[in-house]
Amino acid sequence: MSETIFVIDDDQDLRESIVEILENNEFQVSSSESAESALQKIMTTAPSLVIIDNMMPGMGGMAFIPLLKIEYPNVKVIMITAFSTVENAVAAMKSGADDYIAKPFKRDDLLVAVKRNLEELRFEQMLAGLDMDDALACLSNQIRRQILIALSEKGSMRFMDITRHLEISDHTKVNFHLKNLKTNHLVLHNGEKCYKLTPQGEKMVDCLSLISKKIS
């Protein structure tokens, strides 16, 4: 995976345990024993996700996160807290944390939180490369979603192949949605009279895939 995760915790045993769990699951991981030293390291290598303890000597997690977000507003942050309360959760989120896990936590709890936040980051990055109005219009229509997924699976398809694949006898309806997708630069119609995804359309299918994972 290309994402880099940064672990910040003054508890050496816990820090090394988190790093080991993540590395065993093929994540790229860096670590630091303090927020102050982490800031210096992070300025040279932008992470995708930061996992930081709330209570540490010197700068704690809630003071660190706003400083981090100034430089990297899109980075995901998971706060580690010893007390799982509504008040702590609200305070963590107000400081800029995207998620939190309470001590003691299980290996699977950590991995679920990490994977969820990295998926959200990828989804946000994909949407950043799309016109939001076009993206939402496409995602809101089932037939257009089906056309995009079919083209992703098949590579390219003729008009009649698309109608048969979708099992829609109303060709006018299919043609309408294909024109909509072409207008929004999500599909193209080549010289061989086949429809295929544009790079924008491929991004859209990736978004649909991530949405499907979240729902399931």
N, C-alpha and C. Protein backbone atom coordinates (compact mmCIF):
# COMPACT_ATOMS: atom_id res chain seq x y z
N MET A 1 0.84 -1.19 0.00
CA MET A 1 0.00 0.00 0.00
C MET A 1 0.88 1.25 0.00
N SER A 2 0.41 2.33 -0.59
CA SER A 2 1.21 3.54 -0.70
C SER A 2 0.99 4.47 0.48
N GLU A 3 -0.10 4.30 1.25
CA GLU A 3 -0.36 5.19 2.37
C GLU A 3 0.67 5.00 3.49
N THR A 4 1.09 6.12 4.08
CA THR A 4 2.00 6.08 5.22
C THR A 4 1.23 6.41 6.49
N ILE A 5 1.43 5.62 7.52
CA ILE A 5 0.78 5.82 8.81
C ILE A 5 1.85 6.25 9.82
N PHE A 6 1.53 7.26 10.63
CA PHE A 6 2.47 7.75 11.64
C PHE A 6 1.86 7.50 13.01
N VAL A 7 2.60 6.79 13.87
CA VAL A 7 2.13 6.44 15.21
C VAL A 7 2.89 7.28 16.23
N ILE A 8 2.15 7.98 17.10
CA ILE A 8 2.77 8.84 18.11
C ILE A 8 2.25 8.43 19.49
N ASP A 9 3.15 7.91 20.32
CA ASP A 9 2.76 7.49 21.67
C ASP A 9 4.02 7.41 22.52
N ASP A 10 3.95 7.97 23.75
CA ASP A 10 5.12 7.92 24.64
C ASP A 10 5.30 6.56 25.30
N ASP A 11 4.26 5.72 25.26
CA ASP A 11 4.35 4.35 25.79
C ASP A 11 5.05 3.48 24.75
N GLN A 12 6.31 3.16 25.01
CA GLN A 12 7.11 2.43 24.02
C GLN A 12 6.51 1.08 23.66
N ASP A 13 6.04 0.34 24.67
CA ASP A 13 5.48 -0.99 24.41
C ASP A 13 4.24 -0.89 23.52
N LEU A 14 3.36 0.04 23.83
CA LEU A 14 2.14 0.20 23.02
C LEU A 14 2.48 0.68 21.62
N ARG A 15 3.40 1.65 21.54
CA ARG A 15 3.80 2.19 20.24
C ARG A 15 4.37 1.09 19.34
N GLU A 16 5.28 0.31 19.89
CA GLU A 16 5.91 -0.76 19.11
C GLU A 16 4.90 -1.84 18.75
N SER A 17 3.93 -2.08 19.63
CA SER A 17 2.89 -3.07 19.33
C SER A 17 2.01 -2.62 18.17
N ILE A 18 1.63 -1.33 18.17
CA ILE A 18 0.81 -0.79 17.08
C ILE A 18 1.57 -0.85 15.77
N VAL A 19 2.84 -0.45 15.81
CA VAL A 19 3.67 -0.49 14.60
C VAL A 19 3.76 -1.91 14.06
N GLU A 20 3.97 -2.88 14.95
CA GLU A 20 4.10 -4.28 14.52
C GLU A 20 2.81 -4.78 13.87
N ILE A 21 1.68 -4.46 14.49
CA ILE A 21 0.38 -4.89 13.94
C ILE A 21 0.19 -4.32 12.54
N LEU A 22 0.48 -3.05 12.37
CA LEU A 22 0.28 -2.39 11.07
C LEU A 22 1.24 -2.92 10.02
N GLU A 23 2.50 -3.09 10.39
CA GLU A 23 3.49 -3.59 9.43
C GLU A 23 3.18 -5.03 9.02
N ASN A 24 2.65 -5.82 9.95
CA ASN A 24 2.27 -7.19 9.62
C ASN A 24 1.09 -7.24 8.65
N ASN A 25 0.38 -6.11 8.55
CA ASN A 25 -0.73 -6.01 7.59
C ASN A 25 -0.33 -5.16 6.38
N GLU A 26 0.98 -5.04 6.15
CA GLU A 26 1.56 -4.45 4.94
C GLU A 26 1.34 -2.95 4.81
N PHE A 27 1.21 -2.26 5.95
CA PHE A 27 1.16 -0.81 5.93
C PHE A 27 2.58 -0.25 6.11
N GLN A 28 2.82 0.91 5.51
CA GLN A 28 4.08 1.62 5.73
C GLN A 28 3.91 2.48 6.99
N VAL A 29 4.80 2.29 7.96
CA VAL A 29 4.61 2.92 9.27
C VAL A 29 5.88 3.63 9.73
N SER A 30 5.71 4.84 10.28
CA SER A 30 6.75 5.55 11.00
C SER A 30 6.22 5.83 12.41
N SER A 31 7.11 6.11 13.35
CA SER A 31 6.64 6.34 14.71
C SER A 31 7.50 7.36 15.43
N SER A 32 6.96 7.88 16.53
CA SER A 32 7.67 8.85 17.36
C SER A 32 7.14 8.74 18.78
N GLU A 33 8.02 9.07 19.76
CA GLU A 33 7.64 8.97 21.16
C GLU A 33 7.01 10.26 21.68
N SER A 34 7.01 11.32 20.86
CA SER A 34 6.42 12.59 21.31
C SER A 34 5.83 13.35 20.14
N ALA A 35 4.88 14.21 20.45
CA ALA A 35 4.25 15.03 19.41
C ALA A 35 5.25 16.03 18.84
N GLU A 36 6.13 16.55 19.70
CA GLU A 36 7.11 17.54 19.25
C GLU A 36 8.06 16.96 18.20
N SER A 37 8.60 15.75 18.48
CA SER A 37 9.50 15.14 17.51
C SER A 37 8.76 14.69 16.26
N ALA A 38 7.50 14.31 16.43
CA ALA A 38 6.69 13.88 15.28
C ALA A 38 6.49 15.02 14.29
N LEU A 39 6.27 16.24 14.82
CA LEU A 39 6.07 17.38 13.92
C LEU A 39 7.27 17.59 13.02
N GLN A 40 8.46 17.42 13.56
CA GLN A 40 9.67 17.58 12.75
C GLN A 40 9.76 16.53 11.65
N LYS A 41 9.44 15.29 11.99
CA LYS A 41 9.52 14.20 11.02
C LYS A 41 8.44 14.32 9.95
N ILE A 42 7.24 14.69 10.38
CA ILE A 42 6.11 14.75 9.45
C ILE A 42 6.29 15.84 8.41
N MET A 43 7.00 16.89 8.74
CA MET A 43 7.21 17.98 7.79
C MET A 43 8.01 17.52 6.56
N THR A 44 8.74 16.41 6.69
CA THR A 44 9.52 15.91 5.55
C THR A 44 8.79 14.80 4.81
N THR A 45 7.85 14.13 5.48
CA THR A 45 7.09 13.04 4.85
C THR A 45 5.64 13.15 5.26
N ALA A 46 4.79 13.57 4.33
CA ALA A 46 3.38 13.75 4.64
C ALA A 46 2.69 12.40 4.82
N PRO A 47 2.09 12.13 5.98
CA PRO A 47 1.39 10.86 6.19
C PRO A 47 -0.04 10.92 5.66
N SER A 48 -0.62 9.75 5.44
CA SER A 48 -2.04 9.67 5.10
C SER A 48 -2.89 9.60 6.36
N LEU A 49 -2.32 8.98 7.40
CA LEU A 49 -3.06 8.76 8.64
C LEU A 49 -2.11 8.90 9.82
N VAL A 50 -2.57 9.57 10.87
CA VAL A 50 -1.80 9.70 12.11
C VAL A 50 -2.61 9.07 13.24
N ILE A 51 -1.93 8.24 14.03
CA ILE A 51 -2.53 7.66 15.24
C ILE A 51 -1.78 8.26 16.42
N ILE A 52 -2.48 8.98 17.29
CA ILE A 52 -1.80 9.70 18.37
C ILE A 52 -2.51 9.51 19.70
N ASP A 53 -1.71 9.35 20.75
CA ASP A 53 -2.27 9.24 22.10
C ASP A 53 -2.73 10.62 22.57
N ASN A 54 -3.82 10.63 23.31
CA ASN A 54 -4.36 11.89 23.80
C ASN A 54 -3.49 12.49 24.90
N MET A 55 -3.11 11.68 25.89
CA MET A 55 -2.36 12.17 27.04
C MET A 55 -0.91 11.73 26.95
N MET A 56 0.00 12.71 26.79
CA MET A 56 1.43 12.44 26.74
C MET A 56 2.17 13.58 27.43
N PRO A 57 3.39 13.34 27.94
CA PRO A 57 4.19 14.44 28.47
C PRO A 57 4.42 15.49 27.39
N GLY A 58 4.41 16.75 27.79
CA GLY A 58 4.57 17.81 26.79
C GLY A 58 3.28 18.01 26.02
N MET A 59 3.38 18.03 24.70
CA MET A 59 2.20 18.26 23.85
C MET A 59 1.36 16.99 23.74
N GLY A 60 0.08 17.11 24.04
CA GLY A 60 -0.84 15.99 23.91
C GLY A 60 -1.50 15.98 22.53
N GLY A 61 -2.34 14.98 22.33
CA GLY A 61 -2.98 14.80 21.03
C GLY A 61 -3.85 15.96 20.61
N MET A 62 -4.62 16.51 21.55
CA MET A 62 -5.56 17.57 21.19
C MET A 62 -4.85 18.87 20.82
N ALA A 63 -3.67 19.09 21.37
CA ALA A 63 -2.89 20.27 20.99
C ALA A 63 -2.16 20.04 19.67
N PHE A 64 -1.79 18.79 19.42
CA PHE A 64 -1.01 18.45 18.23
C PHE A 64 -1.86 18.50 16.96
N ILE A 65 -3.09 18.02 17.04
CA ILE A 65 -3.92 17.86 15.83
C ILE A 65 -4.14 19.18 15.08
N PRO A 66 -4.51 20.28 15.75
CA PRO A 66 -4.69 21.54 14.99
C PRO A 66 -3.44 21.98 14.26
N LEU A 67 -2.27 21.76 14.87
CA LEU A 67 -1.01 22.12 14.22
C LEU A 67 -0.78 21.27 12.98
N LEU A 68 -1.10 19.97 13.10
CA LEU A 68 -0.95 19.07 11.96
C LEU A 68 -1.88 19.46 10.82
N LYS A 69 -3.12 19.80 11.16
CA LYS A 69 -4.13 20.10 10.15
C LYS A 69 -3.84 21.39 9.39
N ILE A 70 -3.07 22.28 10.00
CA ILE A 70 -2.68 23.51 9.28
C ILE A 70 -1.85 23.16 8.06
N GLU A 71 -0.92 22.22 8.23
CA GLU A 71 -0.04 21.81 7.14
C GLU A 71 -0.69 20.78 6.23
N TYR A 72 -1.44 19.86 6.83
CA TYR A 72 -2.05 18.75 6.06
C TYR A 72 -3.52 18.64 6.43
N PRO A 73 -4.37 19.51 5.88
CA PRO A 73 -5.79 19.52 6.27
C PRO A 73 -6.54 18.24 5.94
N ASN A 74 -6.03 17.46 4.98
CA ASN A 74 -6.75 16.26 4.57
C ASN A 74 -6.29 14.99 5.28
N VAL A 75 -5.24 15.08 6.08
CA VAL A 75 -4.73 13.88 6.75
C VAL A 75 -5.78 13.36 7.73
N LYS A 76 -5.90 12.04 7.84
CA LYS A 76 -6.83 11.43 8.79
C LYS A 76 -6.12 11.22 10.12
N VAL A 77 -6.85 11.44 11.22
CA VAL A 77 -6.28 11.31 12.55
C VAL A 77 -7.16 10.43 13.42
N ILE A 78 -6.53 9.42 14.03
CA ILE A 78 -7.21 8.57 15.02
C ILE A 78 -6.61 8.88 16.38
N MET A 79 -7.45 9.28 17.33
CA MET A 79 -6.99 9.59 18.68
C MET A 79 -7.09 8.35 19.55
N ILE A 80 -6.03 8.08 20.33
CA ILE A 80 -6.05 7.02 21.32
C ILE A 80 -6.37 7.65 22.67
N THR A 81 -7.40 7.17 23.36
CA THR A 81 -7.78 7.73 24.65
C THR A 81 -7.98 6.62 25.67
N ALA A 82 -7.64 6.92 26.91
CA ALA A 82 -7.80 5.93 27.98
C ALA A 82 -9.23 5.90 28.50
N PHE A 83 -10.02 6.92 28.16
CA PHE A 83 -11.38 7.01 28.67
C PHE A 83 -12.36 7.20 27.52
N SER A 84 -13.20 6.20 27.30
CA SER A 84 -14.18 6.27 26.22
C SER A 84 -15.48 6.86 26.75
N THR A 85 -15.61 8.16 26.65
CA THR A 85 -16.82 8.84 27.07
C THR A 85 -17.30 9.75 25.95
N VAL A 86 -18.56 10.13 26.03
CA VAL A 86 -19.12 11.03 25.03
C VAL A 86 -18.36 12.35 25.04
N GLU A 87 -18.02 12.83 26.26
CA GLU A 87 -17.31 14.11 26.38
C GLU A 87 -15.94 14.04 25.70
N ASN A 88 -15.21 12.94 25.91
CA ASN A 88 -13.90 12.79 25.28
C ASN A 88 -14.01 12.68 23.78
N ALA A 89 -15.03 11.95 23.31
CA ALA A 89 -15.23 11.80 21.86
C ALA A 89 -15.51 13.14 21.21
N VAL A 90 -16.39 13.93 21.84
CA VAL A 90 -16.73 15.25 21.30
C VAL A 90 -15.51 16.16 21.30
N ALA A 91 -14.73 16.13 22.38
CA ALA A 91 -13.54 16.96 22.47
C ALA A 91 -12.52 16.58 21.41
N ALA A 92 -12.35 15.26 21.19
CA ALA A 92 -11.40 14.79 20.18
C ALA A 92 -11.81 15.25 18.79
N MET A 93 -13.10 15.13 18.48
CA MET A 93 -13.59 15.52 17.16
C MET A 93 -13.47 17.04 16.97
N LYS A 94 -13.72 17.81 18.04
CA LYS A 94 -13.59 19.27 17.94
C LYS A 94 -12.16 19.69 17.67
N SER A 95 -11.21 18.92 18.17
CA SER A 95 -9.80 19.26 17.96
C SER A 95 -9.34 18.92 16.55
N GLY A 96 -10.16 18.15 15.82
CA GLY A 96 -9.82 17.80 14.44
C GLY A 96 -9.62 16.32 14.20
N ALA A 97 -9.80 15.48 15.24
CA ALA A 97 -9.67 14.04 15.06
C ALA A 97 -10.82 13.52 14.19
N ASP A 98 -10.52 12.50 13.39
CA ASP A 98 -11.54 11.90 12.54
C ASP A 98 -12.17 10.67 13.20
N ASP A 99 -11.46 10.11 14.19
CA ASP A 99 -11.91 8.88 14.82
C ASP A 99 -11.17 8.74 16.14
N TYR A 100 -11.63 7.84 17.00
CA TYR A 100 -10.88 7.57 18.22
C TYR A 100 -11.09 6.12 18.63
N ILE A 101 -10.10 5.57 19.33
CA ILE A 101 -10.21 4.23 19.90
C ILE A 101 -9.80 4.31 21.36
N ALA A 102 -10.50 3.55 22.21
CA ALA A 102 -10.26 3.61 23.65
C ALA A 102 -9.38 2.45 24.10
N LYS A 103 -8.46 2.76 25.02
CA LYS A 103 -7.63 1.73 25.63
C LYS A 103 -8.46 0.98 26.69
N PRO A 104 -8.20 -0.31 26.86
CA PRO A 104 -7.36 -1.16 25.99
C PRO A 104 -8.16 -1.56 24.75
N PHE A 105 -7.51 -1.61 23.61
CA PHE A 105 -8.23 -1.99 22.39
C PHE A 105 -7.63 -3.26 21.80
N LYS A 106 -8.46 -3.95 21.04
CA LYS A 106 -8.04 -5.19 20.41
C LYS A 106 -7.37 -4.90 19.07
N ARG A 107 -6.58 -5.84 18.62
CA ARG A 107 -5.90 -5.73 17.33
C ARG A 107 -6.90 -5.44 16.22
N ASP A 108 -8.01 -6.18 16.20
CA ASP A 108 -8.99 -6.01 15.13
C ASP A 108 -9.66 -4.65 15.18
N ASP A 109 -9.86 -4.11 16.40
CA ASP A 109 -10.45 -2.77 16.52
C ASP A 109 -9.55 -1.73 15.87
N LEU A 110 -8.24 -1.88 16.10
CA LEU A 110 -7.28 -0.96 15.49
C LEU A 110 -7.31 -1.05 13.97
N LEU A 111 -7.27 -2.28 13.46
CA LEU A 111 -7.23 -2.46 12.00
C LEU A 111 -8.50 -1.98 11.33
N VAL A 112 -9.65 -2.20 11.96
CA VAL A 112 -10.92 -1.74 11.39
C VAL A 112 -10.92 -0.21 11.30
N ALA A 113 -10.47 0.45 12.37
CA ALA A 113 -10.44 1.92 12.38
C ALA A 113 -9.47 2.45 11.32
N VAL A 114 -8.31 1.83 11.20
CA VAL A 114 -7.31 2.26 10.22
C VAL A 114 -7.85 2.09 8.80
N LYS A 115 -8.38 0.93 8.50
CA LYS A 115 -8.87 0.66 7.14
C LYS A 115 -10.05 1.56 6.80
N ARG A 116 -10.93 1.81 7.75
CA ARG A 116 -12.09 2.67 7.51
C ARG A 116 -11.65 4.09 7.17
N ASN A 117 -10.71 4.62 7.93
CA ASN A 117 -10.26 5.99 7.70
C ASN A 117 -9.47 6.13 6.41
N LEU A 118 -8.67 5.12 6.06
CA LEU A 118 -7.94 5.17 4.79
C LEU A 118 -8.90 5.07 3.60
N GLU A 119 -9.96 4.27 3.74
CA GLU A 119 -10.96 4.20 2.67
C GLU A 119 -11.66 5.54 2.49
N GLU A 120 -11.98 6.19 3.61
CA GLU A 120 -12.62 7.51 3.52
C GLU A 120 -11.69 8.52 2.85
N LEU A 121 -10.39 8.43 3.15
CA LEU A 121 -9.42 9.33 2.53
C LEU A 121 -9.36 9.10 1.03
N ARG A 122 -9.32 7.84 0.60
CA ARG A 122 -9.28 7.53 -0.83
C ARG A 122 -10.54 8.04 -1.52
N PHE A 123 -11.69 7.85 -0.87
CA PHE A 123 -12.95 8.31 -1.45
C PHE A 123 -12.95 9.82 -1.63
N GLU A 124 -12.47 10.54 -0.62
CA GLU A 124 -12.41 12.00 -0.70
C GLU A 124 -11.45 12.45 -1.81
N GLN A 125 -10.33 11.74 -1.95
CA GLN A 125 -9.37 12.09 -3.00
C GLN A 125 -9.96 11.84 -4.39
N MET A 126 -10.74 10.78 -4.53
CA MET A 126 -11.38 10.51 -5.82
C MET A 126 -12.39 11.59 -6.16
N LEU A 127 -13.21 11.96 -5.18
CA LEU A 127 -14.22 12.98 -5.43
C LEU A 127 -13.58 14.34 -5.74
N ALA A 128 -12.39 14.57 -5.18
CA ALA A 128 -11.71 15.84 -5.43
C ALA A 128 -11.37 16.02 -6.90
N GLY A 129 -11.24 14.92 -7.63
CA GLY A 129 -10.92 15.00 -9.05
C GLY A 129 -12.14 14.99 -9.95
N LEU A 130 -13.31 15.07 -9.34
CA LEU A 130 -14.56 15.05 -10.11
C LEU A 130 -15.37 16.30 -9.82
N ASP A 131 -16.17 16.70 -10.80
CA ASP A 131 -17.13 17.77 -10.57
C ASP A 131 -18.23 17.22 -9.67
N MET A 132 -18.41 17.82 -8.49
CA MET A 132 -19.33 17.25 -7.51
C MET A 132 -20.76 17.17 -8.01
N ASP A 133 -21.23 18.19 -8.75
CA ASP A 133 -22.60 18.15 -9.25
C ASP A 133 -22.79 16.97 -10.19
N ASP A 134 -21.82 16.78 -11.09
CA ASP A 134 -21.90 15.66 -12.02
C ASP A 134 -21.83 14.34 -11.28
N ALA A 135 -20.94 14.27 -10.29
CA ALA A 135 -20.77 13.03 -9.54
C ALA A 135 -22.05 12.65 -8.82
N LEU A 136 -22.65 13.60 -8.13
CA LEU A 136 -23.87 13.32 -7.38
C LEU A 136 -25.03 12.97 -8.30
N ALA A 137 -25.10 13.65 -9.46
CA ALA A 137 -26.16 13.35 -10.42
C ALA A 137 -26.03 11.92 -10.93
N CYS A 138 -24.79 11.51 -11.17
CA CYS A 138 -24.55 10.16 -11.67
C CYS A 138 -24.88 9.12 -10.61
N LEU A 139 -24.40 9.35 -9.40
CA LEU A 139 -24.60 8.39 -8.32
C LEU A 139 -26.07 8.25 -7.94
N SER A 140 -26.86 9.27 -8.23
CA SER A 140 -28.27 9.23 -7.83
C SER A 140 -29.13 8.38 -8.75
N ASN A 141 -28.62 8.00 -9.92
CA ASN A 141 -29.42 7.27 -10.89
C ASN A 141 -28.93 5.83 -11.04
N GLN A 142 -29.83 4.88 -10.82
CA GLN A 142 -29.44 3.47 -10.83
C GLN A 142 -28.98 3.00 -12.20
N ILE A 143 -29.66 3.42 -13.27
CA ILE A 143 -29.29 2.97 -14.62
C ILE A 143 -27.90 3.47 -14.99
N ARG A 144 -27.60 4.72 -14.65
CA ARG A 144 -26.27 5.24 -14.96
C ARG A 144 -25.20 4.50 -14.16
N ARG A 145 -25.51 4.19 -12.91
CA ARG A 145 -24.56 3.40 -12.11
C ARG A 145 -24.32 2.04 -12.76
N GLN A 146 -25.40 1.42 -13.23
CA GLN A 146 -25.29 0.09 -13.84
C GLN A 146 -24.47 0.14 -15.13
N ILE A 147 -24.66 1.20 -15.91
CA ILE A 147 -23.91 1.35 -17.16
C ILE A 147 -22.41 1.50 -16.86
N LEU A 148 -22.08 2.34 -15.89
CA LEU A 148 -20.68 2.53 -15.54
C LEU A 148 -20.03 1.24 -15.06
N ILE A 149 -20.72 0.51 -14.22
CA ILE A 149 -20.18 -0.75 -13.70
C ILE A 149 -20.02 -1.77 -14.82
N ALA A 150 -21.00 -1.83 -15.73
CA ALA A 150 -20.94 -2.78 -16.84
C ALA A 150 -19.74 -2.48 -17.74
N LEU A 151 -19.53 -1.20 -18.05
CA LEU A 151 -18.40 -0.81 -18.89
C LEU A 151 -17.07 -1.08 -18.19
N SER A 152 -17.07 -0.94 -16.88
CA SER A 152 -15.85 -1.24 -16.12
C SER A 152 -15.51 -2.72 -16.21
N GLU A 153 -16.54 -3.54 -16.15
CA GLU A 153 -16.32 -5.00 -16.18
C GLU A 153 -15.98 -5.49 -17.59
N LYS A 154 -16.64 -4.93 -18.60
CA LYS A 154 -16.48 -5.42 -19.97
C LYS A 154 -15.39 -4.71 -20.76
N GLY A 155 -15.01 -3.51 -20.33
CA GLY A 155 -14.01 -2.75 -21.06
C GLY A 155 -14.63 -1.83 -22.10
N SER A 156 -15.38 -2.40 -23.04
CA SER A 156 -16.13 -1.61 -24.03
C SER A 156 -17.34 -2.43 -24.47
N MET A 157 -18.41 -1.72 -24.83
CA MET A 157 -19.66 -2.41 -25.22
C MET A 157 -20.38 -1.60 -26.29
N ARG A 158 -21.03 -2.31 -27.22
CA ARG A 158 -21.92 -1.65 -28.18
C ARG A 158 -23.25 -1.35 -27.50
N PHE A 159 -24.01 -0.46 -28.14
CA PHE A 159 -25.28 -0.03 -27.55
C PHE A 159 -26.20 -1.20 -27.25
N MET A 160 -26.37 -2.10 -28.21
CA MET A 160 -27.29 -3.22 -28.02
C MET A 160 -26.79 -4.18 -26.94
N ASP A 161 -25.47 -4.30 -26.82
CA ASP A 161 -24.92 -5.14 -25.76
C ASP A 161 -25.26 -4.56 -24.39
N ILE A 162 -25.24 -3.23 -24.31
CA ILE A 162 -25.57 -2.57 -23.04
C ILE A 162 -27.03 -2.80 -22.67
N THR A 163 -27.92 -2.63 -23.64
CA THR A 163 -29.35 -2.82 -23.35
C THR A 163 -29.64 -4.26 -22.94
N ARG A 164 -28.98 -5.22 -23.60
CA ARG A 164 -29.20 -6.63 -23.23
C ARG A 164 -28.63 -6.91 -21.84
N HIS A 165 -27.45 -6.35 -21.57
CA HIS A 165 -26.83 -6.58 -20.27
C HIS A 165 -27.70 -6.03 -19.14
N LEU A 166 -28.30 -4.86 -19.37
CA LEU A 166 -29.15 -4.24 -18.35
C LEU A 166 -30.56 -4.82 -18.34
N GLU A 167 -30.88 -5.58 -19.39
CA GLU A 167 -32.23 -6.16 -19.54
C GLU A 167 -33.30 -5.07 -19.55
N ILE A 168 -33.01 -4.01 -20.33
CA ILE A 168 -33.96 -2.91 -20.49
C ILE A 168 -34.42 -2.87 -21.95
N SER A 169 -35.70 -3.06 -22.16
CA SER A 169 -36.22 -3.10 -23.52
C SER A 169 -36.46 -1.71 -24.10
N ASP A 170 -36.57 -0.70 -23.23
CA ASP A 170 -36.79 0.67 -23.67
C ASP A 170 -35.44 1.28 -24.08
N HIS A 171 -35.12 1.20 -25.37
CA HIS A 171 -33.83 1.69 -25.86
C HIS A 171 -33.69 3.20 -25.71
N THR A 172 -34.80 3.91 -25.77
CA THR A 172 -34.76 5.37 -25.64
C THR A 172 -34.25 5.77 -24.26
N LYS A 173 -34.68 5.01 -23.26
CA LYS A 173 -34.25 5.30 -21.88
C LYS A 173 -32.74 5.09 -21.73
N VAL A 174 -32.23 3.99 -22.28
CA VAL A 174 -30.81 3.69 -22.19
C VAL A 174 -30.01 4.76 -22.94
N ASN A 175 -30.50 5.14 -24.11
CA ASN A 175 -29.81 6.16 -24.91
C ASN A 175 -29.76 7.49 -24.17
N PHE A 176 -30.84 7.83 -23.47
CA PHE A 176 -30.88 9.07 -22.70
C PHE A 176 -29.77 9.09 -21.65
N HIS A 177 -29.63 7.99 -20.93
CA HIS A 177 -28.64 7.94 -19.86
C HIS A 177 -27.22 7.88 -20.41
N LEU A 178 -27.04 7.24 -21.55
CA LEU A 178 -25.72 7.24 -22.18
C LEU A 178 -25.31 8.65 -22.61
N LYS A 179 -26.28 9.40 -23.16
CA LYS A 179 -25.99 10.78 -23.55
C LYS A 179 -25.62 11.62 -22.34
N ASN A 180 -26.31 11.37 -21.22
CA ASN A 180 -26.00 12.10 -19.99
C ASN A 180 -24.57 11.80 -19.53
N LEU A 181 -24.18 10.54 -19.60
CA LEU A 181 -22.84 10.14 -19.20
C LEU A 181 -21.78 10.72 -20.14
N LYS A 182 -22.10 10.78 -21.44
CA LYS A 182 -21.17 11.37 -22.41
C LYS A 182 -21.03 12.87 -22.16
N THR A 183 -22.14 13.55 -21.91
CA THR A 183 -22.12 14.99 -21.66
C THR A 183 -21.26 15.32 -20.45
N ASN A 184 -21.29 14.45 -19.45
CA ASN A 184 -20.51 14.67 -18.23
C ASN A 184 -19.13 14.04 -18.28
N HIS A 185 -18.74 13.60 -19.51
CA HIS A 185 -17.38 13.10 -19.77
C HIS A 185 -17.02 11.87 -18.95
N LEU A 186 -18.03 11.03 -18.70
CA LEU A 186 -17.77 9.79 -17.96
C LEU A 186 -17.66 8.59 -18.90
N VAL A 187 -18.25 8.67 -20.09
CA VAL A 187 -18.09 7.64 -21.11
C VAL A 187 -17.82 8.32 -22.45
N LEU A 188 -17.24 7.56 -23.37
CA LEU A 188 -17.04 8.07 -24.72
C LEU A 188 -17.49 7.01 -25.73
N HIS A 189 -17.75 7.48 -26.95
CA HIS A 189 -18.24 6.63 -28.03
C HIS A 189 -17.17 6.66 -29.12
N ASN A 190 -16.46 5.53 -29.31
CA ASN A 190 -15.33 5.56 -30.23
C ASN A 190 -15.75 5.27 -31.67
N GLY A 191 -14.77 5.24 -32.56
CA GLY A 191 -15.04 5.05 -33.99
C GLY A 191 -15.63 3.70 -34.33
N GLU A 192 -15.46 2.73 -33.44
CA GLU A 192 -16.02 1.40 -33.67
C GLU A 192 -17.43 1.28 -33.10
N LYS A 193 -17.99 2.42 -32.74
CA LYS A 193 -19.35 2.49 -32.19
C LYS A 193 -19.49 1.72 -30.88
N CYS A 194 -18.41 1.73 -30.10
CA CYS A 194 -18.42 1.10 -28.78
C CYS A 194 -18.31 2.16 -27.70
N TYR A 195 -18.98 1.93 -26.62
CA TYR A 195 -18.89 2.82 -25.46
C TYR A 195 -17.84 2.29 -24.50
N LYS A 196 -17.07 3.21 -23.90
CA LYS A 196 -16.09 2.83 -22.89
C LYS A 196 -15.93 3.96 -21.89
N LEU A 197 -15.36 3.65 -20.74
CA LEU A 197 -15.18 4.65 -19.71
C LEU A 197 -14.05 5.61 -20.04
N THR A 198 -14.23 6.86 -19.68
CA THR A 198 -13.14 7.82 -19.71
C THR A 198 -12.37 7.69 -18.39
N PRO A 199 -11.21 8.34 -18.25
CA PRO A 199 -10.53 8.33 -16.94
C PRO A 199 -11.41 8.85 -15.82
N GLN A 200 -12.25 9.86 -16.12
CA GLN A 200 -13.19 10.36 -15.11
C GLN A 200 -14.21 9.29 -14.74
N GLY A 201 -14.66 8.54 -15.75
CA GLY A 201 -15.60 7.46 -15.50
C GLY A 201 -15.01 6.36 -14.65
N GLU A 202 -13.72 6.09 -14.87
CA GLU A 202 -13.04 5.07 -14.06
C GLU A 202 -12.96 5.51 -12.60
N LYS A 203 -12.71 6.81 -12.38
CA LYS A 203 -12.71 7.33 -11.01
C LYS A 203 -14.08 7.17 -10.37
N MET A 204 -15.12 7.41 -11.18
CA MET A 204 -16.47 7.29 -10.65
C MET A 204 -16.77 5.86 -10.22
N VAL A 205 -16.31 4.89 -11.01
CA VAL A 205 -16.53 3.48 -10.66
C VAL A 205 -15.78 3.14 -9.36
N ASP A 206 -14.59 3.69 -9.21
CA ASP A 206 -13.85 3.48 -7.96
C ASP A 206 -14.64 4.04 -6.77
N CYS A 207 -15.27 5.19 -6.96
CA CYS A 207 -16.10 5.78 -5.91
C CYS A 207 -17.28 4.86 -5.58
N LEU A 208 -17.92 4.35 -6.62
CA LEU A 208 -19.05 3.44 -6.42
C LEU A 208 -18.62 2.19 -5.66
N SER A 209 -17.42 1.70 -5.97
CA SER A 209 -16.90 0.51 -5.29
C SER A 209 -16.69 0.78 -3.80
N LEU A 210 -16.13 1.95 -3.48
CA LEU A 210 -15.90 2.29 -2.08
C LEU A 210 -17.22 2.47 -1.34
N ILE A 211 -18.21 3.09 -2.00
CA ILE A 211 -19.52 3.26 -1.39
C ILE A 211 -20.14 1.91 -1.09
N SER A 212 -20.01 0.96 -2.03
CA SER A 212 -20.55 -0.37 -1.85
C SER A 212 -19.92 -1.06 -0.65
N LYS A 213 -18.60 -0.89 -0.47
CA LYS A 213 -17.91 -1.49 0.67
C LYS A 213 -18.42 -0.90 1.97
N LYS A 214 -18.65 0.41 2.00
CA LYS A 214 -19.11 1.07 3.22
C LYS A 214 -20.49 0.53 3.61
N ILE A 215 -21.36 0.37 2.61
CA ILE A 215 -22.72 -0.09 2.87
C ILE A 215 -22.73 -1.52 3.36
N SER A 216 -21.88 -2.36 2.75
CA SER A 216 -21.85 -3.77 3.12
C SER A 216 -21.10 -3.99 4.44
